[in-house]
Amino acid sequence: MVVDSLSDGTRIAQLLASEVTGHEDAFSVLSVVDSDPDVEPTDDGALAYAVAADGERVAEVYVQPDRARVEFLAHPDVTAEAASEAGLRVRPKAVRPPRTLVFVEDGAQVKWTLPAFRALVAALDAGEREEDEG
């Protein structure tokens, strides 16, 4: 039997963690932190892990039964634009400070999140350069 798509939220989150930590030099500033290997998906989303840059959380990944959700804590506008252009479902989260929610509904869409993470890293680098110059 051939499975055409992967729609298990926990497995999608695992694939995303692998992409962020192991496949791109551009993501070397990012690390997966506070991972819960025994996380059970919930309808509202259970926190599977966070993504940090220089020890500060910049994103959180939640698992639901049929998808994963990335909440970008840093640079929500930049990440929203990149994820939307990649074809992912994106919406703002009206909290203080604001967040961007990106829904990853299939294992193949994990690769589609990479432009958002690239945009995040670029925005973090630009902010760091501005601080160094200021």
C-alpha atoms as a PDB file:
ATOM      1  CA  MET A   1       0.000   0.000   0.000  1.00  0.00           C
ATOM      2  CA  VAL A   2       1.373   3.420  -0.953  1.00  0.00           C
ATOM      3  CA  VAL A   3       0.693   6.359   1.313  1.00  0.00           C
ATOM      4  CA  ASP A   4       0.284   9.542  -0.716  1.00  0.00           C
ATOM      5  CA  SER A   5       0.540  11.946   2.181  1.00  0.00           C
ATOM      6  CA  LEU A   6       1.584  12.151   5.784  1.00  0.00           C
ATOM      7  CA  SER A   7      -1.001  13.853   7.958  1.00  0.00           C
ATOM      8  CA  ASP A   8       0.103  12.850  11.451  1.00  0.00           C
ATOM      9  CA  GLY A   9       0.841  16.022  13.423  1.00  0.00           C
ATOM     10  CA  THR A  10       3.533  14.449  15.584  1.00  0.00           C
ATOM     11  CA  ARG A  11       5.392  13.002  12.616  1.00  0.00           C
ATOM     12  CA  ILE A  12       5.122  16.294  10.704  1.00  0.00           C
ATOM     13  CA  ALA A  13       6.648  18.120  13.699  1.00  0.00           C
ATOM     14  CA  GLN A  14       9.474  15.567  13.842  1.00  0.00           C
ATOM     15  CA  LEU A  15      10.216  16.074  10.152  1.00  0.00           C
ATOM     16  CA  LEU A  16      10.255  19.836  10.657  1.00  0.00           C
ATOM     17  CA  ALA A  17      12.702  19.544  13.568  1.00  0.00           C
ATOM     18  CA  SER A  18      14.991  17.463  11.343  1.00  0.00           C
ATOM     19  CA  GLU A  19      14.891  20.094   8.612  1.00  0.00           C
ATOM     20  CA  VAL A  20      15.626  22.956  10.994  1.00  0.00           C
ATOM     21  CA  THR A  21      18.500  21.224  12.792  1.00  0.00           C
ATOM     22  CA  GLY A  22      20.154  19.117  10.164  1.00  0.00           C
ATOM     23  CA  HIS A  23      19.790  20.137   6.571  1.00  0.00           C
ATOM     24  CA  GLU A  24      20.680  23.764   6.059  1.00  0.00           C
ATOM     25  CA  ASP A  25      23.786  25.705   7.021  1.00  0.00           C
ATOM     26  CA  ALA A  26      21.606  28.797   6.907  1.00  0.00           C
ATOM     27  CA  PHE A  27      19.819  27.494  10.005  1.00  0.00           C
ATOM     28  CA  SER A  28      22.980  27.010  12.065  1.00  0.00           C
ATOM     29  CA  VAL A  29      21.845  29.788  14.436  1.00  0.00           C
ATOM     30  CA  LEU A  30      18.631  27.868  15.185  1.00  0.00           C
ATOM     31  CA  SER A  31      18.237  25.023  17.636  1.00  0.00           C
ATOM     32  CA  VAL A  32      15.362  22.871  18.836  1.00  0.00           C
ATOM     33  CA  VAL A  33      14.832  23.358  22.579  1.00  0.00           C
ATOM     34  CA  ASP A  34      12.420  22.189  25.254  1.00  0.00           C
ATOM     35  CA  SER A  35      11.468  19.140  23.200  1.00  0.00           C
ATOM     36  CA  ASP A  36       8.777  16.828  24.572  1.00  0.00           C
ATOM     37  CA  PRO A  37       9.408  13.428  22.945  1.00  0.00           C
ATOM     38  CA  ASP A  38       6.237  12.012  24.528  1.00  0.00           C
ATOM     39  CA  VAL A  39       3.929  14.819  23.414  1.00  0.00           C
ATOM     40  CA  GLU A  40       0.390  13.712  22.612  1.00  0.00           C
ATOM     41  CA  PRO A  41      -1.472  15.705  19.953  1.00  0.00           C
ATOM     42  CA  THR A  42      -4.547  17.634  21.088  1.00  0.00           C
ATOM     43  CA  ASP A  43      -7.249  19.402  19.114  1.00  0.00           C
ATOM     44  CA  ASP A  44      -5.950  22.791  20.304  1.00  0.00           C
ATOM     45  CA  GLY A  45      -2.319  21.778  19.789  1.00  0.00           C
ATOM     46  CA  ALA A  46       0.208  20.522  22.319  1.00  0.00           C
ATOM     47  CA  LEU A  47       3.659  22.101  22.500  1.00  0.00           C
ATOM     48  CA  ALA A  48       6.151  19.670  20.941  1.00  0.00           C
ATOM     49  CA  TYR A  49       9.226  21.921  21.044  1.00  0.00           C
ATOM     50  CA  ALA A  50      10.482  25.437  20.585  1.00  0.00           C
ATOM     51  CA  VAL A  51      13.020  26.830  18.145  1.00  0.00           C
ATOM     52  CA  ALA A  52      15.601  29.170  19.617  1.00  0.00           C
ATOM     53  CA  ALA A  53      18.250  31.532  18.287  1.00  0.00           C
ATOM     54  CA  ASP A  54      21.022  32.562  20.680  1.00  0.00           C
ATOM     55  CA  GLY A  55      19.063  31.059  23.562  1.00  0.00           C
ATOM     56  CA  GLU A  56      15.892  33.035  22.863  1.00  0.00           C
ATOM     57  CA  ARG A  57      12.689  31.398  21.624  1.00  0.00           C
ATOM     58  CA  VAL A  58      11.800  32.547  18.129  1.00  0.00           C
ATOM     59  CA  ALA A  59       9.161  29.915  17.273  1.00  0.00           C
ATOM     60  CA  GLU A  60       7.096  27.171  18.875  1.00  0.00           C
ATOM     61  CA  VAL A  61       5.779  24.016  17.223  1.00  0.00           C
ATOM     62  CA  TYR A  62       2.479  22.499  18.316  1.00  0.00           C
ATOM     63  CA  VAL A  63       0.995  19.157  17.296  1.00  0.00           C
ATOM     64  CA  GLN A  64      -2.612  18.434  16.509  1.00  0.00           C
ATOM     65  CA  PRO A  65      -3.909  15.024  15.418  1.00  0.00           C
ATOM     66  CA  ASP A  66      -3.755  15.835  11.695  1.00  0.00           C
ATOM     67  CA  ARG A  67      -1.222  18.675  11.401  1.00  0.00           C
ATOM     68  CA  ALA A  68       1.495  20.719  13.051  1.00  0.00           C
ATOM     69  CA  ARG A  69       1.361  24.431  13.724  1.00  0.00           C
ATOM     70  CA  VAL A  70       4.347  26.747  13.876  1.00  0.00           C
ATOM     71  CA  GLU A  71       3.939  29.922  15.897  1.00  0.00           C
ATOM     72  CA  PHE A  72       6.592  32.438  14.925  1.00  0.00           C
ATOM     73  CA  LEU A  73       7.317  34.651  17.935  1.00  0.00           C
ATOM     74  CA  ALA A  74       9.960  36.807  16.267  1.00  0.00           C
ATOM     75  CA  HIS A  75       9.460  38.826  13.086  1.00  0.00           C
ATOM     76  CA  PRO A  76       5.849  37.746  12.508  1.00  0.00           C
ATOM     77  CA  ASP A  77       5.324  39.950   9.436  1.00  0.00           C
ATOM     78  CA  VAL A  78       8.391  38.646   7.597  1.00  0.00           C
ATOM     79  CA  THR A  79       7.612  35.009   8.368  1.00  0.00           C
ATOM     80  CA  ALA A  80       3.944  35.419   7.424  1.00  0.00           C
ATOM     81  CA  GLU A  81       4.840  36.808   4.024  1.00  0.00           C
ATOM     82  CA  ALA A  82       7.381  34.057   3.295  1.00  0.00           C
ATOM     83  CA  ALA A  83       5.071  31.237   4.424  1.00  0.00           C
ATOM     84  CA  SER A  84       2.153  32.652   2.458  1.00  0.00           C
ATOM     85  CA  GLU A  85       4.267  32.950  -0.693  1.00  0.00           C
ATOM     86  CA  ALA A  86       5.274  29.295  -0.220  1.00  0.00           C
ATOM     87  CA  GLY A  87       1.601  28.298  -0.295  1.00  0.00           C
ATOM     88  CA  LEU A  88       1.018  27.586   3.378  1.00  0.00           C
ATOM     89  CA  ARG A  89      -2.063  28.614   5.337  1.00  0.00           C
ATOM     90  CA  VAL A  90      -1.076  31.556   7.531  1.00  0.00           C
ATOM     91  CA  ARG A  91      -2.901  33.711  10.013  1.00  0.00           C
ATOM     92  CA  PRO A  92      -1.949  36.282  12.612  1.00  0.00           C
ATOM     93  CA  LYS A  93      -2.439  35.596  16.301  1.00  0.00           C
ATOM     94  CA  ALA A  94      -3.696  38.673  18.100  1.00  0.00           C
ATOM     95  CA  VAL A  95      -1.622  38.524  21.264  1.00  0.00           C
ATOM     96  CA  ARG A  96       1.022  40.830  22.720  1.00  0.00           C
ATOM     97  CA  PRO A  97       3.544  40.602  21.210  1.00  0.00           C
ATOM     98  CA  PRO A  98       1.885  39.398  17.992  1.00  0.00           C
ATOM     99  CA  ARG A  99       2.622  35.994  16.493  1.00  0.00           C
ATOM    100  CA  THR A 100       2.201  34.392  13.099  1.00  0.00           C
ATOM    101  CA  LEU A 101       0.591  30.966  12.880  1.00  0.00           C
ATOM    102  CA  VAL A 102       1.654  28.689  10.019  1.00  0.00           C
ATOM    103  CA  PHE A 103      -0.245  25.445   9.496  1.00  0.00           C
ATOM    104  CA  VAL A 104       1.642  22.424   8.152  1.00  0.00           C
ATOM    105  CA  GLU A 105      -1.021  19.939   7.126  1.00  0.00           C
ATOM    106  CA  ASP A 106       1.049  17.401   5.227  1.00  0.00           C
ATOM    107  CA  GLY A 107       4.546  15.995   5.447  1.00  0.00           C
ATOM    108  CA  ALA A 108       5.371  17.444   2.037  1.00  0.00           C
ATOM    109  CA  GLN A 109       4.565  20.931   3.330  1.00  0.00           C
ATOM    110  CA  VAL A 110       7.448  20.708   5.800  1.00  0.00           C
ATOM    111  CA  LYS A 111       9.772  21.836   2.989  1.00  0.00           C
ATOM    112  CA  TRP A 112       7.392  24.732   2.330  1.00  0.00           C
ATOM    113  CA  THR A 113       8.126  26.113   5.807  1.00  0.00           C
ATOM    114  CA  LEU A 114      11.820  26.522   5.054  1.00  0.00           C
ATOM    115  CA  PRO A 115      11.430  29.916   3.318  1.00  0.00           C
ATOM    116  CA  ALA A 116       9.755  31.241   6.478  1.00  0.00           C
ATOM    117  CA  PHE A 117      12.650  30.003   8.611  1.00  0.00           C
ATOM    118  CA  ARG A 118      15.136  31.486   6.101  1.00  0.00           C
ATOM    119  CA  ALA A 119      13.297  34.825   6.302  1.00  0.00           C
ATOM    120  CA  LEU A 120      13.372  34.609  10.096  1.00  0.00           C
ATOM    121  CA  VAL A 121      17.136  34.001  10.144  1.00  0.00           C
ATOM    122  CA  ALA A 122      17.708  36.875   7.707  1.00  0.00           C
ATOM    123  CA  ALA A 123      15.600  39.217   9.857  1.00  0.00           C
ATOM    124  CA  LEU A 124      17.455  38.117  12.996  1.00  0.00           C
ATOM    125  CA  ASP A 125      20.800  38.733  11.232  1.00  0.00           C
ATOM    126  CA  ALA A 126      19.659  42.166  10.047  1.00  0.00           C
ATOM    127  CA  GLY A 127      18.566  43.092  13.554  1.00  0.00           C
ATOM    128  CA  GLU A 128      21.883  41.934  14.978  1.00  0.00           C
ATOM    129  CA  ARG A 129      23.819  43.984  12.407  1.00  0.00           C
ATOM    130  CA  GLU A 130      21.742  47.065  13.263  1.00  0.00           C
ATOM    131  CA  GLU A 131      22.546  46.606  16.966  1.00  0.00           C
ATOM    132  CA  ASP A 132      26.262  46.261  16.172  1.00  0.00           C
ATOM    133  CA  GLU A 133      26.219  49.422  14.078  1.00  0.00           C
ATOM    134  CA  GLY A 134      24.172  51.406  16.593  1.00  0.00           C
END
